[in-house]
Structures are given as C-alpha cells and as structure tokens.
Protein backbone atom coordinates (compact mmCIF):
# COMPACT_ATOMS: atom_id res chain seq x y z
CA UNK A 1 119.52 78.47 44.94
CA UNK A 2 120.56 78.55 48.52
CA UNK A 3 121.35 75.26 50.23
CA UNK A 4 122.65 73.99 53.46
CA UNK A 5 122.46 70.80 55.40
CA UNK A 6 123.18 71.86 58.91
CA UNK A 7 121.10 71.52 62.02
CA UNK A 8 121.64 74.04 64.71
CA UNK A 9 120.66 73.88 68.33
CA UNK A 10 121.92 77.11 69.70
CA UNK A 11 120.66 80.58 70.16
CA UNK A 12 120.52 83.71 68.11
CA UNK A 13 122.41 86.59 66.90
CA UNK A 14 121.35 90.04 66.07
CA UNK A 15 122.75 93.05 64.34
CA UNK A 16 121.87 96.67 64.33
CA UNK A 17 122.54 99.30 61.75
CA UNK A 18 123.50 102.74 62.48
CA UNK A 19 125.41 105.90 61.50
CA UNK A 20 126.46 106.82 58.05
CA UNK A 21 125.41 110.41 58.51
CA UNK A 22 128.75 111.88 57.56
CA UNK A 23 128.70 110.44 54.07
CA UNK A 24 125.14 111.48 53.40
CA UNK A 25 124.28 112.67 49.92
CA UNK A 26 122.22 115.79 49.65
CA UNK A 27 118.56 116.60 49.35
CA UNK A 28 116.00 115.13 47.07
CA UNK A 29 113.63 117.24 45.00
CA UNK A 30 112.13 120.26 46.75
CA UNK A 31 108.66 118.90 45.98
CA UNK A 32 109.20 115.85 48.21
CA UNK A 33 108.09 115.99 51.83
CA UNK A 34 107.87 113.52 54.69
CA UNK A 35 104.23 113.16 55.74
CA UNK A 36 104.95 112.30 59.38
CA UNK A 37 108.16 111.74 61.31
CA UNK A 38 107.88 108.90 63.81
CA UNK A 39 110.95 108.48 66.02
CA UNK A 40 111.48 105.24 67.96
CA UNK A 41 114.00 105.57 70.79
CA UNK A 42 115.37 103.70 73.77
CA UNK A 43 116.50 105.39 77.00
CA UNK A 44 119.17 103.87 79.23
CA UNK A 45 119.72 104.56 82.91
CA UNK A 46 122.32 103.35 85.37
CA UNK A 47 124.33 100.28 84.33
CA UNK A 48 122.95 100.56 80.80
CA UNK A 49 119.49 99.22 81.70
CA UNK A 50 116.46 100.50 79.70
CA UNK A 51 114.18 102.95 81.52
CA UNK A 52 110.60 101.69 81.24
CA UNK A 53 108.62 104.47 82.98
CA UNK A 54 109.74 107.56 81.09
CA UNK A 55 107.31 110.51 81.03
CA UNK A 56 106.72 112.93 78.18
CA UNK A 57 107.84 115.86 80.33
CA UNK A 58 111.31 114.30 80.62
CA UNK A 59 111.91 114.41 76.86
CA UNK A 60 112.95 117.46 74.85
CA UNK A 61 113.07 116.98 71.09
CA UNK A 62 115.26 119.16 68.89
CA UNK A 63 115.88 119.22 65.15
CA UNK A 64 119.04 120.94 63.90
CA UNK A 65 119.46 122.25 67.45
CA UNK A 66 116.05 123.96 67.68
CA UNK A 67 113.25 122.77 70.05
CA UNK A 68 110.40 121.01 68.25
CA UNK A 69 106.77 120.56 69.26
CA UNK A 70 105.75 116.87 69.14
CA UNK A 71 102.16 115.63 69.03
CA UNK A 72 102.74 111.97 69.90
CA UNK A 73 104.38 110.20 72.82
CA UNK A 74 103.82 106.49 73.39
CA UNK A 75 105.64 103.66 75.06
CA UNK A 76 105.75 100.00 74.17
CA UNK A 77 106.62 97.66 77.05
CA UNK A 78 106.49 93.91 76.47
CA UNK A 79 104.62 94.56 73.24
CA UNK A 80 105.01 92.07 70.37
CA UNK A 81 107.69 92.82 67.79
CA UNK A 82 107.97 92.13 64.07
CA UNK A 83 111.54 90.96 63.40
CA UNK A 84 112.90 91.15 59.86
CA UNK A 85 115.98 88.91 59.79
CA UNK A 86 118.46 89.77 57.04
CA UNK A 87 121.09 87.06 56.65
CA UNK A 88 124.23 87.42 54.56
CA UNK A 89 124.51 84.24 52.46
CA UNK A 90 127.68 85.18 50.59
CA UNK A 91 130.85 83.11 50.42
CA UNK A 92 132.73 85.17 53.03
CA UNK A 93 130.22 84.00 55.64
CA UNK A 94 131.55 80.44 55.29
CA UNK A 95 134.86 81.56 56.83
CA UNK A 96 135.85 81.69 60.50
CA UNK A 97 132.57 80.14 61.69
CA UNK A 98 130.52 83.24 60.83
CA UNK A 99 127.54 81.36 59.38
CA UNK A 100 127.40 79.01 62.37
CA UNK A 101 127.32 82.05 64.68
CA UNK A 102 124.58 83.63 62.59
CA UNK A 103 122.47 80.46 62.81
CA UNK A 104 122.97 80.40 66.56
CA UNK A 105 121.81 84.01 66.78
CA UNK A 106 118.64 83.33 64.80
CA UNK A 107 117.96 80.30 67.01
CA UNK A 108 118.30 82.44 70.11
CA UNK A 109 116.07 85.14 68.68
CA UNK A 110 113.15 82.84 67.91
CA UNK A 111 113.78 81.02 71.18
CA UNK A 112 113.04 84.30 73.04
CA UNK A 113 109.79 84.86 71.16
CA UNK A 114 106.73 86.15 72.98
CA UNK A 115 103.05 85.87 72.04
CA UNK A 116 102.34 88.01 68.97
CA UNK A 117 105.94 88.21 67.74
CA UNK A 118 106.40 87.44 64.06
CA UNK A 119 109.51 86.81 61.99
CA UNK A 120 110.55 86.99 58.36
CA UNK A 121 113.81 85.69 56.89
CA UNK A 122 115.62 87.24 53.92
CA UNK A 123 118.94 86.06 52.50
CA UNK A 124 121.28 87.96 50.18
CA UNK A 125 124.51 87.32 48.33
CA UNK A 126 125.19 88.67 44.84
CA UNK A 127 121.78 90.30 44.38
CA UNK A 128 119.00 91.93 46.38
CA UNK A 129 117.64 90.09 49.38
CA UNK A 130 115.42 87.10 48.62
CA UNK A 131 112.51 86.23 50.90
CA UNK A 132 112.96 82.64 52.06
CA UNK A 133 110.34 82.75 54.84
CA UNK A 134 107.54 85.37 54.88
CA UNK A 135 106.34 86.82 58.18
CA UNK A 136 105.19 84.03 60.45
CA UNK A 137 104.56 83.35 64.12
CA UNK A 138 105.71 79.73 63.68
CA UNK A 139 109.45 79.38 64.47
CA UNK A 140 109.59 76.08 62.57
CA UNK A 141 109.07 78.00 59.33
CA UNK A 142 112.31 79.89 59.97
CA UNK A 143 114.18 76.76 61.02
CA UNK A 144 113.18 74.87 57.87
CA UNK A 145 114.25 77.80 55.68
CA UNK A 146 117.66 77.99 57.36
CA UNK A 147 118.33 74.32 56.63
CA UNK A 148 118.44 75.14 52.88
CA UNK A 149 121.02 77.93 53.10
CA UNK A 150 124.55 77.50 51.79
CA UNK A 151 127.02 80.40 51.51
CA UNK A 152 128.05 81.29 47.97
CA UNK A 153 129.22 84.13 45.73
CA UNK A 154 130.08 87.76 46.32
CA UNK A 155 128.27 90.24 48.59
CA UNK A 156 125.81 92.92 47.45
CA UNK A 157 125.45 94.24 51.01
CA UNK A 158 124.42 97.81 50.17
CA UNK A 159 121.84 96.78 47.55
CA UNK A 160 120.21 94.24 49.86
CA UNK A 161 120.02 96.45 52.92
CA UNK A 162 118.48 99.38 51.06
CA UNK A 163 115.34 97.34 50.31
CA UNK A 164 114.72 96.08 53.84
CA UNK A 165 113.01 99.02 55.61
CA UNK A 166 110.09 98.84 53.18
CA UNK A 167 109.85 95.06 53.46
CA UNK A 168 109.80 95.24 57.25
CA UNK A 169 106.40 96.96 57.03
CA UNK A 170 104.87 93.60 56.07
CA UNK A 171 105.06 92.57 59.72
CA UNK A 172 101.87 92.85 61.74
CA UNK A 173 103.23 94.75 64.76
CA UNK A 174 103.86 98.50 65.13
CA UNK A 175 107.16 97.80 66.90
CA UNK A 176 109.61 96.58 64.24
CA UNK A 177 113.30 95.87 63.96
CA UNK A 178 115.71 94.64 61.31
CA UNK A 179 118.20 92.06 62.56
CA UNK A 180 121.28 92.16 60.38
CA UNK A 181 123.55 89.11 60.35
CA UNK A 182 126.51 89.92 58.13
CA UNK A 183 130.22 90.55 58.13
CA UNK A 184 129.60 93.92 56.45
CA UNK A 185 131.86 93.16 53.50
CA UNK A 186 130.53 94.46 50.17
CA UNK A 187 132.07 93.59 46.81
CA UNK A 188 129.12 93.43 44.40
CA UNK A 189 126.65 96.30 45.00
CA UNK A 190 125.54 98.87 42.46
CA UNK A 191 124.84 101.30 45.31
CA UNK A 192 127.71 103.10 47.00
CA UNK A 193 128.15 103.43 50.75
CA UNK A 194 127.05 107.08 50.61
CA UNK A 195 123.94 106.17 48.60
CA UNK A 196 123.03 103.54 51.18
CA UNK A 197 123.30 106.20 53.87
CA UNK A 198 120.87 108.38 51.95
CA UNK A 199 118.45 105.47 51.56
CA UNK A 200 118.46 104.93 55.33
CA UNK A 201 117.99 108.57 56.34
CA UNK A 202 114.24 108.63 56.52
CA UNK A 203 113.46 105.23 58.02
CA UNK A 204 111.92 104.65 61.44
CA UNK A 205 112.92 100.98 61.78
CA UNK A 206 116.04 100.37 63.91
CA UNK A 207 118.66 98.01 62.55
CA UNK A 208 120.50 95.81 65.04
CA UNK A 209 123.79 94.50 63.71
CA UNK A 210 125.88 91.69 65.07
CA UNK A 211 129.57 91.72 64.25
CA UNK A 212 130.57 88.07 64.11
CA UNK A 213 133.92 88.29 65.81
CA UNK A 214 135.53 88.50 69.24
CA UNK A 215 134.79 91.87 70.91
CA UNK A 216 138.46 92.18 71.91
CA UNK A 217 139.70 91.99 68.30
CA UNK A 218 141.23 95.42 67.51
CA UNK A 219 139.49 97.51 64.86
CA UNK A 220 141.65 99.35 62.34
CA UNK A 221 139.38 101.53 60.19
CA UNK A 222 142.31 102.36 57.87
CA UNK A 223 142.51 98.81 56.59
CA UNK A 224 139.97 96.99 54.47
CA UNK A 225 138.85 93.92 56.44
CA UNK A 226 140.01 90.49 55.39
CA UNK A 227 137.30 88.12 54.20
CA UNK A 228 137.55 86.13 57.43
CA UNK A 229 136.90 89.25 59.54
CA UNK A 230 134.04 91.77 59.56
CA UNK A 231 133.70 95.41 58.53
CA UNK A 232 132.69 96.57 62.00
CA UNK A 233 132.81 100.24 61.01
CA UNK A 234 130.13 99.76 58.37
CA UNK A 235 127.92 97.67 60.64
CA UNK A 236 128.20 100.31 63.35
CA UNK A 237 127.38 103.13 60.93
CA UNK A 238 124.21 101.40 59.78
CA UNK A 239 123.04 100.78 63.34
CA UNK A 240 123.75 104.30 64.55
CA UNK A 241 121.94 106.00 61.68
CA UNK A 242 118.72 104.07 62.29
CA UNK A 243 118.67 104.11 66.10
CA UNK A 244 119.77 100.50 66.54
CA UNK A 245 122.98 99.17 68.02
CA UNK A 246 126.00 97.08 67.09
CA UNK A 247 126.89 93.97 69.08
CA UNK A 248 130.08 91.94 68.75
CA UNK A 249 130.52 88.26 69.50
CA UNK A 250 130.79 84.75 68.16
CA UNK A 251 130.54 82.46 71.20
CA UNK A 252 127.18 81.03 72.37
CA UNK A 253 127.26 83.19 75.52
CA UNK A 254 128.13 86.38 73.62
CA UNK A 255 125.35 85.69 71.14
CA UNK A 256 122.80 84.96 73.85
CA UNK A 257 123.76 88.18 75.67
CA UNK A 258 123.41 90.21 72.45
CA UNK A 259 119.93 88.82 71.76
CA UNK A 260 118.87 89.47 75.35
CA UNK A 261 119.99 93.10 75.16
CA UNK A 262 118.20 93.64 71.86
CA UNK A 263 115.02 92.19 73.34
CA UNK A 264 115.30 94.55 76.33
CA UNK A 265 115.66 97.51 73.98
CA UNK A 266 112.69 96.66 71.81
CA UNK A 267 110.34 95.74 74.65
CA UNK A 268 111.04 99.09 76.33
CA UNK A 269 110.85 101.35 73.29
CA UNK A 270 109.22 104.78 73.06
CA UNK A 271 107.77 106.64 70.09
CA UNK A 272 107.72 110.40 69.66
CA UNK A 273 106.53 112.13 66.52
CA UNK A 274 105.53 115.25 64.65
CA UNK A 275 104.25 116.39 61.26
CA UNK A 276 106.68 118.58 59.25
CA UNK A 277 105.29 121.96 58.29
CA UNK A 278 105.87 121.65 54.54
CA UNK A 279 107.86 124.89 54.68
CA UNK A 280 111.47 125.30 53.65
CA UNK A 281 113.74 123.07 51.63
CA UNK A 282 113.58 119.30 51.69
CA UNK A 283 116.90 118.39 53.26
CA UNK A 284 118.47 116.11 55.83
CA UNK A 285 117.70 117.38 59.33
CA UNK A 286 119.47 116.12 62.45
CA UNK A 287 117.37 114.76 65.33
CA UNK A 288 118.45 115.00 68.96
CA UNK A 289 116.70 114.04 72.20
CA UNK A 290 117.66 115.70 75.47
CA UNK A 291 116.44 113.96 78.61
CA UNK A 292 116.35 115.22 82.18
CA UNK A 293 117.43 113.55 85.39
CA UNK A 294 117.97 109.80 85.49
CA UNK A 295 118.64 109.16 81.80
CA UNK A 296 122.28 108.32 81.07
CA UNK A 297 122.03 107.67 77.34
CA UNK A 298 119.49 107.59 74.52
CA UNK A 299 119.53 105.64 71.25
CA UNK A 300 117.66 107.36 68.46
CA UNK A 301 117.87 107.62 64.68
CA UNK A 302 120.19 110.30 63.37
CA UNK A 303 117.69 112.39 61.41
CA UNK A 304 115.05 112.64 58.70
CA UNK A 305 114.78 113.97 55.17
CA UNK A 306 112.03 116.57 54.82
CA UNK A 307 110.79 120.10 55.36
CA UNK A 308 110.94 122.21 58.51
CA UNK A 309 109.57 120.76 61.78
CA UNK A 310 107.00 122.59 63.96
CA UNK A 311 109.31 124.63 66.18
CA UNK A 312 108.48 125.58 69.75
CA UNK A 313 107.94 129.35 69.84
CA UNK A 314 110.54 131.19 71.92
CA UNK A 315 109.43 132.92 75.11
CA UNK A 316 110.08 136.36 73.62
CA UNK A 317 107.89 135.63 70.60
CA UNK A 318 105.12 134.33 72.84
CA UNK A 319 105.23 137.55 74.88
CA UNK A 320 105.17 139.63 71.71
CA UNK A 321 102.02 137.82 70.56
CA UNK A 322 100.33 138.45 73.94
CA UNK A 323 101.35 142.12 73.83
CA UNK A 324 99.88 142.60 70.38
C-alpha cells in the first residue's frame, strides 16, 4: 500500500480549491432541488486581514445579480474546525521536494490546533482517496499515518477530489475545510476537469490548496506543467469555486505563513443562508456578496445548483401590494 520512512519536524501546508465555473456542465434533472443553501464566506479589510465583527446589515446577497432574502447569518470566531487533509501520494510528488513540503504543511497545521479541532487524512494516487487516518483530535494519529506514505503511480486527481466534500461531513464541527496538498497534475482520472467542476458546484466546504513551488515561478497556462512543477491554474480553480484560496510556497517560512493565513480565515468565518423556493429550473446559479464600507474583499463560493432563491421584492412591487 502506501509506505514511507521519513520523520518530519516542520510545519504544515495547506491548499484551497476554487474556480472552475467557466467549464461547468449544465443542469441536472429538473426534479432535483437543493434543500438549503449555506454559504460560508470570509471578509477581508485593510492589509488583507479578516474582519471579525461584521454585521448582517453590512452584507447584501445576490444570486444571478438579483437581491436575495437570507434567513441565517452567523459568525464563527475561534471556533473549532474539522480539517479534511487530502494528500497526493502519486509519483510526481516525489519530485522537486514536493512531498517533503506537504509533510511540513501537515505538521504545521496540526501544530496550530486548538481545543476541539479534529483532523482526517486521506491519500490518493491512481484511485479514489483512501482514508489512512479517520477524524481524530490526537495529532499523533496523523503523524503515524504519514510515516507509512510513499509516493507511487499516476494521479487520479479529479476522481479523488470529487469524493471529499461528502467525506468532510464526518468531522464533528460545523466549520469545515478541505486542505489539498497536491501538484494538481492529473493523468489517471475517469472524470474530466469539467465534470469535477460540476461535482463541486453545490458544496459548502471551502478547499484550501497549496501550490508546492516558489511564488515567483512564472505561470504559463498555455503549457502543460512538467511533472516536477504544479498545475497552479487547476489548484486555483478548485479553490475559487468553493470559496477557499490558493497559496504558493515550498520553504518552511512560506508554508508556515500559508497555514497561519488559512487559520485566520477559518477562525473568522461567517455563514449566510437561504432555502430555495423550488420554483424554476434546476440550474447553476451564481452567488455574489456585496459589502458596505470597510470591506475590501470577500471570499465566497461561486454558486449553487438548484431552483430559484427567495428574491427581495422590489420597492415598486411592495408599494403595489400596499395600494391593493
């Protein structure tokens, strides 16, 4: 199975998955409907720092450009998190020190743990992800599992990632994240890139991706990455689509900084939600959050697959109802 005899001392690395929205494949059956749309998001202020005291009145939710009425607004500050770690165990990870960087990232992640955090470790190569450590609050369980990992084989990246949102629900905490440690190279999946995008459309779990390479390395999206590099475009797409973020780095300091930023995001996360009406076609609908005043940026999932949202009635329609 998966073997490795390496002890690591260093800290951890984290990856987020976002934005394949452009290659999305069309709607499922008209009889399918999302029961409730829960939208985790992070708001950044000056200097890219998370805003931790956001009020409901500062947030305007739109779907396909139209204002939507939400019935839930909550914030999670310093709350425990369930981390689903997805580690690429394929042969390409043995090149250019990528596996060593991934081990350092996982070490940093569990080193930053807080009371109530739990972690699960999944590894993938030529098949779907295999659970090597179920959700646990004991970091030693993760460390022991890592000691058995040895890179081998091709990479079924798309197939493995598609199964992870459902598996992340096994964690005990309402705040969840998938930490993706991979070079993003796929050469063995049955799913296509567009099909993976469709699989990720409806999920509410952010994926944080770490690109295991120097941030200054130029990215040429026209060229297929060499095995010793990383497909940064794919890793960034995955993160953007799910409301996570991509980080680049392979030195201990870069890895530690990435983990620290991910922690800041997840400890200062908000949730807004609504129940779709059940009316209209089941299709992919684009989510947008508009914030007033001090907010400089917001990270949020790209959309959901379902029926029409509960729209905010326009002022004219409200007046018409009063007049009648």
